[in-house]
Amino acid sequence: MTALASYTSSANAAPGNVNDSTSSRLAAQYNMGAFTVAYDRTRVENTLANVAATNKIYADSFGAAYAVNKDVSVGLTYATATDKVTSGAKDEETIIAAVGYNLGPVSVQAQYKNAQNVGGTSANDGQTVSVYFNTKF
């Protein structure tokens, strides 16, 4: 099991930037043989000095992965982000499906992402397909 916890607070930053800010994050990942599950919870609250407004974004994500064999893994992630201040804002939702292949010193990963209500705006939707290459020295 891997766990992460953090809390950050700042006050009186430079004018025009975030004046007061707090953020917290809790995350955990647990591996059970070929299966891995994970959860991540983030909370961010800012007071913007230049507009005297408050921004509160709460985000949660859940993920699961399966190692098909020593070289191939598949995973699925579901994430939401909620604007707790803006009236009428829609919850942003993202689904990510991924496949990874290990070639030894080089790995390749393909991802499909489907995002709905991006930035809390209704019908602001999009899909992407990405391919990542990674190497270790």
C-alpha atoms as a PDB file:
ATOM      1  CA  MET A   1       0.000   0.000   0.000  1.00  0.00           C
ATOM      2  CA  THR A   2       1.130   3.505  -0.806  1.00  0.00           C
ATOM      3  CA  ALA A   3      -0.450   6.511   0.931  1.00  0.00           C
ATOM      4  CA  LEU A   4      -0.095  10.265   0.558  1.00  0.00           C
ATOM      5  CA  ALA A   5      -1.421  13.135   2.658  1.00  0.00           C
ATOM      6  CA  SER A   6      -0.692  16.835   2.274  1.00  0.00           C
ATOM      7  CA  TYR A   7      -1.994  20.179   3.476  1.00  0.00           C
ATOM      8  CA  THR A   8      -0.882  23.608   2.291  1.00  0.00           C
ATOM      9  CA  SER A   9      -1.977  27.022   3.518  1.00  0.00           C
ATOM     10  CA  SER A  10      -0.776  30.450   2.438  1.00  0.00           C
ATOM     11  CA  ALA A  11      -1.896  33.977   3.214  1.00  0.00           C
ATOM     12  CA  ASN A  12      -1.189  37.489   1.945  1.00  0.00           C
ATOM     13  CA  ALA A  13       0.427  36.571  -1.361  1.00  0.00           C
ATOM     14  CA  ALA A  14       1.367  39.270  -3.878  1.00  0.00           C
ATOM     15  CA  PRO A  15      -1.519  41.427  -5.200  1.00  0.00           C
ATOM     16  CA  GLY A  16      -3.188  39.980  -8.262  1.00  0.00           C
ATOM     17  CA  ASN A  17      -2.394  36.440  -7.236  1.00  0.00           C
ATOM     18  CA  VAL A  18      -4.205  34.113  -4.900  1.00  0.00           C
ATOM     19  CA  ASN A  19      -4.423  36.043  -1.638  1.00  0.00           C
ATOM     20  CA  ASP A  20      -5.358  33.218   0.726  1.00  0.00           C
ATOM     21  CA  SER A  21      -5.159  29.605  -0.274  1.00  0.00           C
ATOM     22  CA  THR A  22      -5.582  26.210   1.312  1.00  0.00           C
ATOM     23  CA  SER A  23      -5.317  22.841  -0.329  1.00  0.00           C
ATOM     24  CA  SER A  24      -5.390  19.302   0.917  1.00  0.00           C
ATOM     25  CA  ARG A  25      -4.859  15.964  -0.720  1.00  0.00           C
ATOM     26  CA  LEU A  26      -5.365  12.381   0.422  1.00  0.00           C
ATOM     27  CA  ALA A  27      -4.454   9.481  -1.821  1.00  0.00           C
ATOM     28  CA  ALA A  28      -3.988   5.752  -1.469  1.00  0.00           C
ATOM     29  CA  GLN A  29      -2.973   2.946  -3.778  1.00  0.00           C
ATOM     30  CA  TYR A  30      -3.241  -0.739  -2.938  1.00  0.00           C
ATOM     31  CA  ASN A  31      -1.810  -3.631  -4.906  1.00  0.00           C
ATOM     32  CA  MET A  32      -3.274  -7.149  -4.700  1.00  0.00           C
ATOM     33  CA  GLY A  33      -1.211  -9.355  -6.993  1.00  0.00           C
ATOM     34  CA  ALA A  34      -2.093  -8.388 -10.570  1.00  0.00           C
ATOM     35  CA  PHE A  35      -4.756  -5.874  -9.446  1.00  0.00           C
ATOM     36  CA  THR A  36      -4.172  -2.310  -8.253  1.00  0.00           C
ATOM     37  CA  VAL A  37      -6.808   0.109  -6.966  1.00  0.00           C
ATOM     38  CA  ALA A  38      -6.357   3.783  -6.143  1.00  0.00           C
ATOM     39  CA  TYR A  39      -8.275   6.770  -4.763  1.00  0.00           C
ATOM     40  CA  ASP A  40      -7.306  10.454  -4.751  1.00  0.00           C
ATOM     41  CA  ARG A  41      -9.178  13.297  -3.025  1.00  0.00           C
ATOM     42  CA  THR A  42      -8.139  16.932  -3.514  1.00  0.00           C
ATOM     43  CA  ARG A  43      -9.674  20.087  -2.041  1.00  0.00           C
ATOM     44  CA  VAL A  44      -8.558  23.584  -3.097  1.00  0.00           C
ATOM     45  CA  GLU A  45      -9.942  26.866  -1.728  1.00  0.00           C
ATOM     46  CA  ASN A  46      -8.600  30.243  -2.872  1.00  0.00           C
ATOM     47  CA  THR A  47      -9.542  33.865  -2.249  1.00  0.00           C
ATOM     48  CA  LEU A  48      -8.580  35.908  -5.289  1.00  0.00           C
ATOM     49  CA  ALA A  49      -7.235  39.335  -4.349  1.00  0.00           C
ATOM     50  CA  ASN A  50      -7.958  41.070  -7.652  1.00  0.00           C
ATOM     51  CA  VAL A  51     -11.664  40.113  -7.775  1.00  0.00           C
ATOM     52  CA  ALA A  52     -12.430  39.471  -4.099  1.00  0.00           C
ATOM     53  CA  ALA A  53     -13.985  36.122  -5.019  1.00  0.00           C
ATOM     54  CA  THR A  54     -13.620  32.670  -3.589  1.00  0.00           C
ATOM     55  CA  ASN A  55     -12.835  29.554  -5.572  1.00  0.00           C
ATOM     56  CA  LYS A  56     -13.560  26.084  -4.149  1.00  0.00           C
ATOM     57  CA  ILE A  57     -12.827  23.034  -6.259  1.00  0.00           C
ATOM     58  CA  TYR A  58     -13.308  19.533  -4.866  1.00  0.00           C
ATOM     59  CA  ALA A  59     -11.942  16.656  -6.944  1.00  0.00           C
ATOM     60  CA  ASP A  60     -12.079  12.893  -6.506  1.00  0.00           C
ATOM     61  CA  SER A  61     -10.699  10.100  -8.661  1.00  0.00           C
ATOM     62  CA  PHE A  62     -10.930   6.329  -8.535  1.00  0.00           C
ATOM     63  CA  GLY A  63      -8.746   3.984 -10.551  1.00  0.00           C
ATOM     64  CA  ALA A  64      -8.204   0.291 -11.128  1.00  0.00           C
ATOM     65  CA  ALA A  65      -5.525  -1.500 -13.112  1.00  0.00           C
ATOM     66  CA  TYR A  66      -4.762  -5.075 -14.031  1.00  0.00           C
ATOM     67  CA  ALA A  67      -1.377  -6.495 -15.054  1.00  0.00           C
ATOM     68  CA  VAL A  68      -2.286  -8.947 -17.793  1.00  0.00           C
ATOM     69  CA  ASN A  69       1.291 -10.275 -17.750  1.00  0.00           C
ATOM     70  CA  LYS A  70       4.753  -8.864 -16.961  1.00  0.00           C
ATOM     71  CA  ASP A  71       4.650  -6.627 -20.060  1.00  0.00           C
ATOM     72  CA  VAL A  72       0.996  -5.550 -20.528  1.00  0.00           C
ATOM     73  CA  SER A  73      -1.272  -3.601 -18.151  1.00  0.00           C
ATOM     74  CA  VAL A  74      -4.738  -2.122 -18.573  1.00  0.00           C
ATOM     75  CA  GLY A  75      -6.402   0.513 -16.420  1.00  0.00           C
ATOM     76  CA  LEU A  76      -9.561   2.537 -15.966  1.00  0.00           C
ATOM     77  CA  THR A  77      -9.968   5.835 -14.066  1.00  0.00           C
ATOM     78  CA  TYR A  78     -13.079   7.842 -13.186  1.00  0.00           C
ATOM     79  CA  ALA A  79     -12.637  11.406 -11.925  1.00  0.00           C
ATOM     80  CA  THR A  80     -14.972  14.234 -10.905  1.00  0.00           C
ATOM     81  CA  ALA A  81     -14.400  17.880 -10.061  1.00  0.00           C
ATOM     82  CA  THR A  82     -17.042  20.039  -8.411  1.00  0.00           C
ATOM     83  CA  ASP A  83     -17.117  23.838  -8.225  1.00  0.00           C
ATOM     84  CA  LYS A  84     -18.605  24.520  -4.778  1.00  0.00           C
ATOM     85  CA  VAL A  85     -19.049  28.280  -5.368  1.00  0.00           C
ATOM     86  CA  THR A  86     -20.270  29.000  -8.903  1.00  0.00           C
ATOM     87  CA  SER A  87     -24.049  28.812  -9.158  1.00  0.00           C
ATOM     88  CA  GLY A  88     -25.179  26.485 -11.938  1.00  0.00           C
ATOM     89  CA  ALA A  89     -21.752  24.940 -12.500  1.00  0.00           C
ATOM     90  CA  LYS A  90     -21.898  21.333 -13.670  1.00  0.00           C
ATOM     91  CA  ASP A  91     -19.696  18.610 -12.229  1.00  0.00           C
ATOM     92  CA  GLU A  92     -16.789  17.869 -14.516  1.00  0.00           C
ATOM     93  CA  GLU A  93     -16.441  14.143 -15.186  1.00  0.00           C
ATOM     94  CA  THR A  94     -13.547  12.348 -16.863  1.00  0.00           C
ATOM     95  CA  ILE A  95     -13.110   8.698 -17.796  1.00  0.00           C
ATOM     96  CA  ILE A  96      -9.685   7.412 -18.824  1.00  0.00           C
ATOM     97  CA  ALA A  97      -8.984   3.981 -20.326  1.00  0.00           C
ATOM     98  CA  ALA A  98      -5.306   3.057 -20.689  1.00  0.00           C
ATOM     99  CA  VAL A  99      -3.181   0.229 -22.047  1.00  0.00           C
ATOM    100  CA  GLY A 100       0.537   0.007 -21.336  1.00  0.00           C
ATOM    101  CA  TYR A 101       3.252  -2.183 -22.827  1.00  0.00           C
ATOM    102  CA  ASN A 102       6.726  -2.631 -21.363  1.00  0.00           C
ATOM    103  CA  LEU A 103       9.528  -3.125 -23.892  1.00  0.00           C
ATOM    104  CA  GLY A 104      12.284  -3.294 -21.252  1.00  0.00           C
ATOM    105  CA  PRO A 105      14.051   0.091 -21.077  1.00  0.00           C
ATOM    106  CA  VAL A 106      11.230   1.686 -23.100  1.00  0.00           C
ATOM    107  CA  SER A 107       7.503   1.600 -22.374  1.00  0.00           C
ATOM    108  CA  VAL A 108       4.548   2.805 -24.398  1.00  0.00           C
ATOM    109  CA  GLN A 109       1.089   3.759 -23.133  1.00  0.00           C
ATOM    110  CA  ALA A 110      -2.077   4.572 -25.045  1.00  0.00           C
ATOM    111  CA  GLN A 111      -4.932   6.471 -23.372  1.00  0.00           C
ATOM    112  CA  TYR A 112      -8.462   7.372 -24.341  1.00  0.00           C
ATOM    113  CA  LYS A 113      -9.983  10.252 -22.329  1.00  0.00           C
ATOM    114  CA  ASN A 114     -13.624  11.307 -22.370  1.00  0.00           C
ATOM    115  CA  ALA A 115     -14.338  14.541 -20.474  1.00  0.00           C
ATOM    116  CA  GLN A 116     -17.794  16.012 -19.831  1.00  0.00           C
ATOM    117  CA  ASN A 117     -18.637  19.533 -18.585  1.00  0.00           C
ATOM    118  CA  VAL A 118     -14.997  20.663 -18.617  1.00  0.00           C
ATOM    119  CA  GLY A 119     -14.449  23.670 -16.364  1.00  0.00           C
ATOM    120  CA  GLY A 120     -17.958  23.235 -14.943  1.00  0.00           C
ATOM    121  CA  THR A 121     -19.570  24.337 -18.213  1.00  0.00           C
ATOM    122  CA  SER A 122     -22.497  22.289 -19.481  1.00  0.00           C
ATOM    123  CA  ALA A 123     -21.875  20.548 -22.832  1.00  0.00           C
ATOM    124  CA  ASN A 124     -18.193  21.562 -22.833  1.00  0.00           C
ATOM    125  CA  ASP A 125     -17.170  18.016 -23.721  1.00  0.00           C
ATOM    126  CA  GLY A 126     -14.204  16.445 -25.436  1.00  0.00           C
ATOM    127  CA  GLN A 127     -12.363  13.252 -26.201  1.00  0.00           C
ATOM    128  CA  THR A 128      -8.652  12.666 -26.749  1.00  0.00           C
ATOM    129  CA  VAL A 129      -6.425   9.773 -27.673  1.00  0.00           C
ATOM    130  CA  SER A 130      -2.815  10.013 -26.481  1.00  0.00           C
ATOM    131  CA  VAL A 131       0.275   7.844 -26.877  1.00  0.00           C
ATOM    132  CA  TYR A 132       3.176   8.213 -24.439  1.00  0.00           C
ATOM    133  CA  PHE A 133       6.694   6.807 -24.690  1.00  0.00           C
ATOM    134  CA  ASN A 134       8.891   6.543 -21.629  1.00  0.00           C
ATOM    135  CA  THR A 135      12.486   5.499 -21.156  1.00  0.00           C
ATOM    136  CA  LYS A 136      14.682   5.070 -18.098  1.00  0.00           C
ATOM    137  CA  PHE A 137      18.434   5.545 -17.931  1.00  0.00           C
END
